[in-house]
Amino acid sequence: MDESRILIIGSNGQLGKALSAKYPSALAVDRDKFDITDKNFIKSYDWSKVDIILNAAAYTDVDGAETPEGRVLSWQINATAPSQLAKAAAEHDLVLAHMSTEYVFDGTKSEHDEDEPLSPLGVYAQTKAAGDIAVGVASKHYILRTSWLVGDGPNFVRTMIGLAQKNISPIVVNDQIGRLTFTGPLVNAIHHLLSNKAPYGTYNVSNCGEPASWADVTRVIFTELKRDDLQVTDTSTAKYFASKEGVAPRPLHSSFNLDKIKSTGFVMDDWQEELKKYIQENK
């Protein structure tokens, strides 16, 4: 695998930054240099220097996608753009690795495997599901479904660390259940699939370990920060968002069955162990 022939799209995001660190010789671009919403740009791009496309670009403002402007952007970035990248990959015989999410499911099943039928709830979820379908057109594709991403950038863990620094005891939902996914192990999983030429298709990729609620994750964070003086008050998703307008529906169960990625010889670390390391580096 020639690292210099890898194109990383969305290099300014949490995952994009981690991919750029993993592949320093790759061509890393973001919207200032690579406008994925411009069909003509993608069609006329010089693909002769690319073997692998890593698409880490996404519109991730789940609630923003419910607005008129956000709906358009979400469809452009999460659905139409991947379809254009898939066409380019098919036409130029490239490998396309595309990042997906548990939001493509409605969260009624306690654990999601790769073969579960798509059942997206909100606009963001629907556009990501459409993107998955579009990417499947490329014969050489990997769709990596992940959940609760944590890396270099704004995320839930950093938000809770910030609250602890301000001595704030938060109210956190206790009925959304899942596992954190840290960008370092996720990038290693992507590298494993690519370098070992694993069978193409869809893979669930998150850290392993016992699934937990956001409230319980917060308690682990506060314990690691030695801030047991702070209290975490549980609430339901319905109650938390009851007074807020324009809120997208959330899947309550985000946990993945990880057997398929394990069958390729790759095992993710426990999310709690990764969380401890992340806190030590970011507190």
Protein backbone atom coordinates (compact mmCIF):
# COMPACT_ATOMS: atom_id res chain seq x y z
CA MET A 1 0.00 0.00 0.00
CA ASP A 2 1.57 3.24 -1.20
CA GLU A 3 0.70 5.84 1.45
CA SER A 4 1.32 8.70 -0.96
CA ARG A 5 -1.55 7.44 -3.14
CA ILE A 6 -4.12 7.77 -0.34
CA LEU A 7 -6.59 10.68 -0.47
CA ILE A 8 -8.02 11.69 2.92
CA ILE A 9 -11.20 13.76 2.58
CA GLY A 10 -12.36 15.69 5.64
CA SER A 11 -8.90 16.06 7.15
CA ASN A 12 -9.92 18.77 9.65
CA GLY A 13 -12.39 16.56 11.53
CA GLN A 14 -11.64 14.31 14.50
CA LEU A 15 -11.17 11.21 12.36
CA GLY A 16 -9.53 13.14 9.53
CA LYS A 17 -6.84 14.41 11.90
CA ALA A 18 -6.15 10.88 13.15
CA LEU A 19 -5.97 9.52 9.60
CA SER A 20 -3.58 12.31 8.61
CA ALA A 21 -1.34 11.43 11.56
CA LYS A 22 -1.41 7.75 10.55
CA TYR A 23 -0.63 8.51 6.92
CA PRO A 24 1.58 11.64 6.90
CA SER A 25 2.51 11.16 3.25
CA ALA A 26 -1.11 10.98 2.12
CA LEU A 27 -2.89 13.84 0.40
CA ALA A 28 -5.10 15.27 3.14
CA VAL A 29 -7.80 17.70 2.00
CA ASP A 30 -10.79 19.48 3.47
CA ARG A 31 -13.50 21.61 1.92
CA ASP A 32 -11.09 24.50 1.23
CA LYS A 33 -9.23 22.29 -1.27
CA PHE A 34 -11.77 19.60 -2.11
CA ASP A 35 -15.43 20.60 -2.34
CA ILE A 36 -17.32 17.33 -2.17
CA THR A 37 -20.60 19.17 -2.79
CA ASP A 38 -19.39 20.12 -6.30
CA LYS A 39 -20.24 17.24 -8.65
CA ASN A 40 -18.20 18.70 -11.49
CA PHE A 41 -15.17 19.08 -9.26
CA ILE A 42 -15.28 15.42 -8.27
CA LYS A 43 -15.91 14.31 -11.84
CA SER A 44 -13.00 16.34 -13.26
CA TYR A 45 -10.56 15.63 -10.41
CA ASP A 46 -7.24 14.01 -11.40
CA TRP A 47 -7.70 10.54 -9.93
CA SER A 48 -4.58 9.13 -11.62
CA LYS A 49 -2.52 9.73 -8.45
CA VAL A 50 -5.01 8.02 -6.11
CA ASP A 51 -5.45 4.35 -5.18
CA ILE A 52 -7.47 4.71 -1.98
CA ILE A 53 -10.11 7.28 -0.97
CA LEU A 54 -10.71 7.67 2.76
CA ASN A 55 -13.92 9.67 3.13
CA ALA A 56 -14.05 11.09 6.64
CA ALA A 57 -16.12 14.11 5.60
CA ALA A 58 -19.64 14.38 6.98
CA TYR A 59 -22.30 16.83 8.09
CA THR A 60 -22.63 15.74 11.71
CA ASP A 61 -24.89 18.39 13.25
CA VAL A 62 -27.73 16.01 14.03
CA ASP A 63 -30.15 18.74 15.13
CA GLY A 64 -28.92 21.23 12.55
CA ALA A 65 -29.91 18.76 9.84
CA GLU A 66 -33.54 19.30 10.85
CA THR A 67 -33.38 22.95 9.73
CA PRO A 68 -34.09 23.99 6.11
CA GLU A 69 -30.44 24.95 5.49
CA GLY A 70 -29.04 21.97 7.36
CA ARG A 71 -31.29 19.53 5.51
CA VAL A 72 -29.83 20.64 2.18
CA LEU A 73 -26.23 20.50 3.42
CA SER A 74 -26.74 17.13 5.08
CA TRP A 75 -28.06 15.61 1.86
CA GLN A 76 -25.26 17.20 -0.18
CA ILE A 77 -22.42 16.08 2.08
CA ASN A 78 -23.70 12.77 3.50
CA ALA A 79 -25.54 11.33 0.50
CA THR A 80 -24.89 13.03 -2.84
CA ALA A 81 -21.13 13.44 -2.33
CA PRO A 82 -20.55 9.77 -1.41
CA SER A 83 -22.50 8.76 -4.50
CA GLN A 84 -20.16 10.87 -6.63
CA LEU A 85 -17.10 9.44 -4.89
CA ALA A 86 -18.46 5.94 -5.47
CA LYS A 87 -18.85 6.70 -9.18
CA ALA A 88 -15.28 7.99 -9.34
CA ALA A 89 -14.01 4.92 -7.46
CA ALA A 90 -15.86 2.58 -9.83
CA GLU A 91 -14.68 4.44 -12.94
CA HIS A 92 -11.02 4.60 -11.89
CA ASP A 93 -10.83 1.24 -10.05
CA LEU A 94 -10.14 2.81 -6.65
CA VAL A 95 -10.78 1.58 -3.12
CA LEU A 96 -13.33 3.73 -1.27
CA ALA A 97 -13.46 3.59 2.52
CA HIS A 98 -16.46 5.54 3.85
CA MET A 99 -17.38 6.33 7.45
CA SER A 100 -20.90 5.60 8.63
CA THR A 101 -22.82 5.61 11.90
CA GLU A 102 -25.25 3.71 14.11
CA TYR A 103 -27.77 6.41 13.28
CA VAL A 104 -28.67 4.45 10.14
CA PHE A 105 -30.66 2.25 12.56
CA ASP A 106 -33.65 3.24 14.69
CA GLY A 107 -32.06 1.80 17.83
CA THR A 108 -34.84 -0.61 18.71
CA LYS A 109 -32.46 -3.59 18.69
CA SER A 110 -30.06 -3.81 21.61
CA GLU A 111 -27.18 -4.77 19.30
CA HIS A 112 -26.69 -4.03 15.61
CA ASP A 113 -24.99 -6.31 13.13
CA GLU A 114 -23.95 -5.44 9.58
CA ASP A 115 -26.97 -7.14 8.01
CA GLU A 116 -29.65 -5.29 9.94
CA PRO A 117 -32.03 -3.48 7.56
CA LEU A 118 -31.62 0.29 7.47
CA SER A 119 -34.18 2.19 9.57
CA PRO A 120 -33.00 5.80 9.98
CA LEU A 121 -35.02 8.22 12.09
CA GLY A 122 -34.06 11.88 11.48
CA VAL A 123 -32.69 13.78 8.49
CA TYR A 124 -29.04 13.24 9.43
CA ALA A 125 -29.72 9.53 9.87
CA GLN A 126 -31.55 9.32 6.55
CA THR A 127 -28.73 11.03 4.66
CA LYS A 128 -26.11 8.75 6.18
CA ALA A 129 -28.18 5.70 5.24
CA ALA A 130 -28.48 7.04 1.69
CA GLY A 131 -24.72 7.50 1.62
CA ASP A 132 -24.20 3.87 2.65
CA ILE A 133 -26.41 2.70 -0.20
CA ALA A 134 -24.57 4.93 -2.67
CA VAL A 135 -21.11 3.77 -1.62
CA GLY A 136 -22.19 0.16 -2.12
CA VAL A 137 -22.17 0.84 -5.87
CA ALA A 138 -18.35 0.82 -5.86
CA SER A 139 -17.08 -2.75 -6.13
CA LYS A 140 -14.04 -1.98 -3.96
CA HIS A 141 -15.64 -0.36 -0.93
CA TYR A 142 -15.47 -0.46 2.84
CA ILE A 143 -18.27 1.06 4.90
CA LEU A 144 -17.17 1.46 8.50
CA ARG A 145 -20.04 2.03 10.91
CA THR A 146 -18.96 3.60 14.16
CA SER A 147 -20.56 5.24 17.19
CA TRP A 148 -19.90 7.90 19.83
CA LEU A 149 -16.66 9.16 18.28
CA VAL A 150 -13.95 10.66 20.48
CA GLY A 151 -10.79 12.26 19.12
CA ASP A 152 -9.03 15.57 18.63
CA GLY A 153 -11.91 18.03 18.55
CA PRO A 154 -15.24 18.81 20.22
CA ASN A 155 -16.82 15.67 21.69
CA PHE A 156 -18.82 14.43 24.67
CA VAL A 157 -15.79 13.48 26.78
CA ARG A 158 -14.19 16.90 26.40
CA THR A 159 -17.50 18.54 27.22
CA MET A 160 -17.75 16.58 30.49
CA ILE A 161 -14.12 17.37 31.35
CA GLY A 162 -14.98 21.04 30.83
CA LEU A 163 -17.98 20.78 33.14
CA ALA A 164 -15.82 19.15 35.81
CA GLN A 165 -13.32 22.00 35.56
CA LYS A 166 -16.22 24.41 36.15
CA ASN A 167 -17.49 22.33 39.10
CA ILE A 168 -20.79 21.64 37.34
CA SER A 169 -22.83 18.55 38.21
CA PRO A 170 -24.66 17.65 34.98
CA ILE A 171 -27.97 16.07 34.05
CA VAL A 172 -27.24 13.28 31.54
CA VAL A 173 -29.46 10.84 29.66
CA ASN A 174 -29.41 7.26 30.91
CA ASP A 175 -31.48 5.51 28.23
CA GLN A 176 -29.09 5.88 25.27
CA ILE A 177 -26.81 2.86 25.46
CA GLY A 178 -23.62 2.28 23.48
CA ARG A 179 -19.83 2.26 23.41
CA LEU A 180 -17.33 5.03 22.78
CA THR A 181 -15.12 4.81 19.70
CA PHE A 182 -11.71 6.46 19.88
CA THR A 183 -10.15 7.68 16.67
CA GLY A 184 -6.77 6.00 17.29
CA PRO A 185 -8.12 2.43 17.42
CA LEU A 186 -10.58 3.24 14.63
CA VAL A 187 -7.74 4.34 12.35
CA ASN A 188 -5.86 1.15 13.23
CA ALA A 189 -8.93 -0.85 12.23
CA ILE A 190 -9.11 0.98 8.90
CA HIS A 191 -5.40 0.34 8.32
CA HIS A 192 -5.87 -3.33 9.18
CA LEU A 193 -8.64 -3.77 6.61
CA LEU A 194 -6.70 -1.95 3.90
CA SER A 195 -3.27 -3.47 4.48
CA ASN A 196 -4.62 -7.01 4.80
CA LYS A 197 -6.98 -6.57 1.84
CA ALA A 198 -9.90 -7.80 3.89
CA PRO A 199 -13.08 -8.68 2.00
CA TYR A 200 -14.91 -5.56 0.84
CA GLY A 201 -18.19 -4.63 2.46
CA THR A 202 -19.60 -3.15 5.66
CA TYR A 203 -17.90 -3.46 9.05
CA ASN A 204 -19.04 -2.36 12.49
CA VAL A 205 -16.13 -0.73 14.31
CA SER A 206 -16.28 0.60 17.86
CA ASN A 207 -14.30 -0.02 21.01
CA CYS A 208 -15.41 -3.17 22.79
CA GLY A 209 -16.41 -3.63 26.42
CA GLU A 210 -19.64 -3.46 28.36
CA PRO A 211 -22.15 -1.05 26.79
CA ALA A 212 -23.06 1.91 28.97
CA SER A 213 -25.34 4.95 29.04
CA TRP A 214 -24.08 8.48 28.55
CA ALA A 215 -24.77 9.03 32.28
CA ASP A 216 -22.59 6.06 33.22
CA VAL A 217 -19.84 7.21 30.84
CA THR A 218 -19.92 10.56 32.63
CA ARG A 219 -19.49 8.82 35.98
CA VAL A 220 -16.43 6.98 34.66
CA ILE A 221 -15.01 10.30 33.44
CA PHE A 222 -15.55 12.00 36.80
CA THR A 223 -14.06 9.04 38.67
CA GLU A 224 -10.97 9.15 36.48
CA LEU A 225 -10.71 12.90 37.11
CA LYS A 226 -11.02 12.17 40.86
CA ARG A 227 -14.14 14.33 40.96
CA ASP A 228 -16.48 12.01 42.83
CA ASP A 229 -17.78 15.15 44.56
CA LEU A 230 -19.71 15.91 41.38
CA GLN A 231 -23.13 14.31 40.98
CA VAL A 232 -24.54 12.94 37.73
CA THR A 233 -28.34 13.17 37.63
CA ASP A 234 -30.00 10.64 35.33
CA THR A 235 -32.80 11.59 32.98
CA SER A 236 -34.51 10.09 29.95
CA THR A 237 -33.91 11.31 26.41
CA ALA A 238 -37.57 12.33 26.17
CA LYS A 239 -37.37 14.45 29.32
CA TYR A 240 -34.00 15.97 28.43
CA PHE A 241 -35.25 17.28 25.09
CA ALA A 242 -38.86 17.98 26.14
CA SER A 243 -38.45 21.76 26.25
CA LYS A 244 -36.20 22.01 23.20
CA GLU A 245 -37.35 22.62 19.64
CA GLY A 246 -35.89 21.24 16.42
CA VAL A 247 -34.36 18.20 18.08
CA ALA A 248 -33.67 15.15 15.94
CA PRO A 249 -34.69 11.71 17.22
CA ARG A 250 -31.84 9.62 18.64
CA PRO A 251 -31.45 5.83 18.48
CA LEU A 252 -31.55 4.54 22.06
CA HIS A 253 -29.36 1.50 21.37
CA SER A 254 -26.04 2.15 19.64
CA SER A 255 -24.05 -0.99 20.47
CA PHE A 256 -22.54 -2.99 17.63
CA ASN A 257 -21.92 -6.68 17.15
CA LEU A 258 -18.17 -6.72 16.42
CA ASP A 259 -17.81 -10.33 15.25
CA LYS A 260 -17.18 -9.44 11.60
CA ILE A 261 -14.18 -7.16 12.22
CA LYS A 262 -12.87 -9.70 14.75
CA SER A 263 -13.06 -12.42 12.08
CA THR A 264 -10.47 -10.49 10.06
CA GLY A 265 -8.03 -10.69 12.97
CA PHE A 266 -8.59 -7.27 14.51
CA VAL A 267 -9.85 -6.66 18.06
CA MET A 268 -10.59 -3.20 19.44
CA ASP A 269 -9.59 -2.35 23.02
CA ASP A 270 -12.09 -1.82 25.82
CA TRP A 271 -13.62 1.67 25.71
CA GLN A 272 -12.97 2.24 29.41
CA GLU A 273 -9.24 1.61 29.01
CA GLU A 274 -9.10 3.96 26.03
CA LEU A 275 -11.11 6.54 27.95
CA LYS A 276 -8.61 6.53 30.81
CA LYS A 277 -5.73 7.14 28.40
CA TYR A 278 -7.66 9.88 26.61
CA ILE A 279 -8.46 11.69 29.87
CA GLN A 280 -4.83 11.60 30.99
CA GLU A 281 -3.86 13.23 27.70
CA ASN A 282 -6.65 15.83 27.66
CA LYS A 283 -7.51 16.82 31.23
